[in-house]
Amino acid sequence: MKNLIAFLIFTLFLGISPLFSQASATANFTASATIIQPIGITTTSNMKFANIDAKEGGAVILTPENTRITNGELELAKGGIVSAATFEVTGQSGFAFGISLPKGTHRLTSGSESMILQDFTSNYDGSSLNGDGKTIRVGASLIVNPNQLPGDYKTASDLQVTVNYN
């Protein structure tokens, strides 16, 4: 009889035990955020093709490395400043960024005369920012018309270069 009572109590305990089992569990977590340095860009030098003798016209390619290359029947004259557009990009060290250059064609004008500026290129190689920022240079091609009239030719409005984090 003792065995029967022990067996019944044991069976009863097994039947009640699931009623008292854990029906939920709790875990804890924390939240965090890191605010990064905003990306920025500053113009340090404007694009300058220097002096050109138009002659029969052609193109002057200004590379991001400040080198002028000619195509056609024009001559690179002495004097003036040769400079690719130069920018200082700042932001979070170690972050990569993208760059958008002007698209299409743009006009440089002097009075009623004009020349076409196109095919923008940069020296940006896709590398990440470092603590000192990154210097980016932008070149382009200038189409010089045959017998282009002398004058100081400029864009009517600013051209834009945009940078953003990838």
Protein backbone atom coordinates (compact mmCIF):
# COMPACT_ATOMS: atom_id res chain seq x y z
CA MET A 1 0.00 0.00 0.00
CA LYS A 2 2.85 2.36 0.77
CA ASN A 3 4.19 1.64 -2.68
CA LEU A 4 0.82 2.42 -4.21
CA ILE A 5 0.55 5.72 -2.32
CA ALA A 6 4.11 6.63 -3.27
CA PHE A 7 3.37 5.76 -6.88
CA LEU A 8 0.19 7.89 -6.87
CA ILE A 9 2.00 10.85 -5.28
CA PHE A 10 4.82 10.50 -7.79
CA THR A 11 2.37 10.35 -10.71
CA LEU A 12 0.40 13.26 -9.33
CA PHE A 13 3.64 15.28 -9.00
CA LEU A 14 4.52 14.53 -12.64
CA GLY A 15 1.08 15.64 -13.75
CA ILE A 16 1.18 18.89 -11.76
CA SER A 17 4.79 19.78 -12.60
CA PRO A 18 4.04 21.10 -16.11
CA LEU A 19 1.48 23.47 -14.57
CA PHE A 20 4.29 25.13 -12.67
CA SER A 21 6.89 25.16 -15.53
CA GLN A 22 8.33 28.46 -16.82
CA ALA A 23 6.07 29.96 -19.52
CA SER A 24 8.25 33.02 -20.37
CA ALA A 25 11.84 34.17 -20.35
CA THR A 26 13.49 37.59 -20.21
CA ALA A 27 16.68 38.92 -21.76
CA ASN A 28 18.24 42.34 -21.46
CA PHE A 29 19.93 44.55 -24.06
CA THR A 30 21.42 48.01 -24.40
CA ALA A 31 21.19 50.49 -27.27
CA SER A 32 23.96 52.63 -28.71
CA ALA A 33 24.60 55.05 -31.57
CA THR A 34 27.69 56.64 -33.04
CA ILE A 35 27.49 60.10 -34.52
CA ILE A 36 30.01 60.46 -37.35
CA GLN A 37 31.66 63.59 -38.66
CA PRO A 38 29.60 64.98 -41.55
CA ILE A 39 31.20 64.88 -44.97
CA GLY A 40 32.30 68.26 -46.29
CA ILE A 41 33.97 69.71 -49.35
CA THR A 42 35.78 73.02 -49.81
CA THR A 43 37.11 74.53 -53.03
CA THR A 44 40.81 75.33 -52.72
CA SER A 45 41.51 76.21 -56.39
CA ASN A 46 39.36 76.98 -59.44
CA MET A 47 39.93 75.42 -62.86
CA LYS A 48 42.30 77.48 -65.01
CA PHE A 49 43.44 76.56 -68.51
CA ALA A 50 45.98 79.47 -68.67
CA ASN A 51 46.88 81.12 -72.00
CA ILE A 52 45.86 79.53 -75.30
CA ASP A 53 46.47 80.69 -78.88
CA ALA A 54 43.33 79.51 -80.72
CA LYS A 55 44.78 79.42 -84.26
CA GLU A 56 42.69 76.83 -86.13
CA GLY A 57 41.00 75.52 -82.97
CA GLY A 58 40.96 72.20 -81.23
CA ALA A 59 40.75 70.95 -77.67
CA VAL A 60 42.77 71.48 -74.52
CA ILE A 61 42.51 68.65 -72.04
CA LEU A 62 43.37 69.71 -68.50
CA THR A 63 44.16 66.60 -66.46
CA PRO A 64 43.58 66.34 -62.70
CA GLU A 65 47.40 66.41 -62.41
CA ASN A 66 47.50 69.99 -63.85
CA THR A 67 48.83 68.91 -67.25
CA ARG A 68 47.50 70.45 -70.47
CA ILE A 69 47.27 68.24 -73.56
CA THR A 70 46.23 69.60 -76.96
CA ASN A 71 44.34 68.13 -79.88
CA GLY A 72 44.00 70.09 -83.09
CA GLU A 73 45.61 73.25 -84.39
CA LEU A 74 45.98 75.43 -81.31
CA GLU A 75 48.98 76.36 -79.22
CA LEU A 76 49.55 76.49 -75.50
CA ALA A 77 50.95 79.97 -74.90
CA LYS A 78 53.25 81.02 -72.08
CA GLY A 79 51.85 82.79 -69.06
CA GLY A 80 48.82 82.35 -66.89
CA ILE A 81 48.11 79.76 -64.27
CA VAL A 82 47.36 76.12 -65.05
CA SER A 83 45.19 74.54 -62.38
CA ALA A 84 42.71 71.71 -62.18
CA ALA A 85 39.81 72.52 -59.85
CA THR A 86 40.98 71.39 -56.42
CA PHE A 87 38.89 70.44 -53.41
CA GLU A 88 39.53 69.33 -49.84
CA VAL A 89 37.10 66.60 -48.71
CA THR A 90 36.70 66.11 -44.96
CA GLY A 91 34.69 63.63 -42.94
CA GLN A 92 34.82 60.52 -40.81
CA SER A 93 38.22 58.87 -40.96
CA GLY A 94 38.08 55.44 -42.59
CA PHE A 95 34.86 56.12 -44.52
CA ALA A 96 34.72 55.84 -48.32
CA PHE A 97 32.76 58.36 -50.36
CA GLY A 98 31.47 58.93 -53.86
CA ILE A 99 31.96 62.00 -56.02
CA SER A 100 29.64 63.45 -58.65
CA LEU A 101 31.19 65.66 -61.32
CA PRO A 102 29.39 68.10 -63.62
CA LYS A 103 27.66 66.33 -66.49
CA GLY A 104 27.14 67.39 -70.08
CA THR A 105 28.54 70.54 -71.63
CA HIS A 106 29.02 73.97 -70.10
CA ARG A 107 29.90 77.27 -71.73
CA LEU A 108 32.75 79.62 -70.99
CA THR A 109 31.85 83.04 -72.35
CA SER A 110 33.52 86.36 -73.06
CA GLY A 111 30.98 88.85 -74.38
CA SER A 112 29.12 87.12 -77.21
CA GLU A 113 31.89 84.54 -77.75
CA SER A 114 31.85 81.11 -76.10
CA MET A 115 33.72 77.81 -75.81
CA ILE A 116 32.49 74.41 -74.60
CA LEU A 117 33.75 72.75 -71.40
CA GLN A 118 33.02 69.01 -71.09
CA ASP A 119 34.28 65.53 -70.15
CA PHE A 120 35.11 66.15 -66.49
CA THR A 121 37.51 63.74 -64.78
CA SER A 122 38.94 63.45 -61.27
CA ASN A 123 41.89 61.85 -59.54
CA TYR A 124 39.69 60.23 -56.87
CA ASP A 125 40.63 56.55 -56.59
CA GLY A 126 37.86 55.40 -54.25
CA SER A 127 40.07 55.28 -51.16
CA SER A 128 38.73 56.16 -47.73
CA LEU A 129 39.14 59.41 -45.87
CA ASN A 130 41.98 59.74 -43.42
CA GLY A 131 42.28 62.12 -40.48
CA ASP A 132 43.68 64.92 -42.67
CA GLY A 133 40.95 64.70 -45.30
CA LYS A 134 41.54 64.03 -48.98
CA THR A 135 42.54 66.36 -51.81
CA ILE A 136 40.56 65.82 -55.01
CA ARG A 137 41.41 67.45 -58.35
CA VAL A 138 39.05 67.77 -61.32
CA GLY A 139 40.05 68.31 -64.93
CA ALA A 140 38.05 68.71 -68.15
CA SER A 141 38.27 69.31 -71.90
CA LEU A 142 37.90 72.78 -73.38
CA ILE A 143 36.79 73.00 -77.02
CA VAL A 144 38.42 76.04 -78.64
CA ASN A 145 36.86 77.32 -81.85
CA PRO A 146 39.00 78.24 -84.86
CA ASN A 147 40.11 81.86 -84.60
CA GLN A 148 38.46 82.20 -81.18
CA LEU A 149 38.41 85.89 -80.29
CA PRO A 150 40.77 87.01 -77.52
CA GLY A 151 39.23 87.52 -74.08
CA ASP A 152 38.91 86.19 -70.55
CA TYR A 153 36.37 83.35 -70.77
CA LYS A 154 34.45 82.20 -67.69
CA THR A 155 31.44 80.08 -66.82
CA ALA A 156 28.32 82.17 -66.20
CA SER A 157 27.56 80.23 -63.02
CA ASP A 158 29.40 77.94 -60.65
CA LEU A 159 29.90 74.29 -61.55
CA GLN A 160 29.20 71.80 -58.77
CA VAL A 161 31.06 68.82 -57.41
CA THR A 162 29.14 66.75 -54.86
CA VAL A 163 30.51 64.19 -52.39
CA ASN A 164 28.59 61.72 -50.23
CA TYR A 165 29.37 58.72 -48.07
CA ASN A 166 29.02 55.33 -49.74
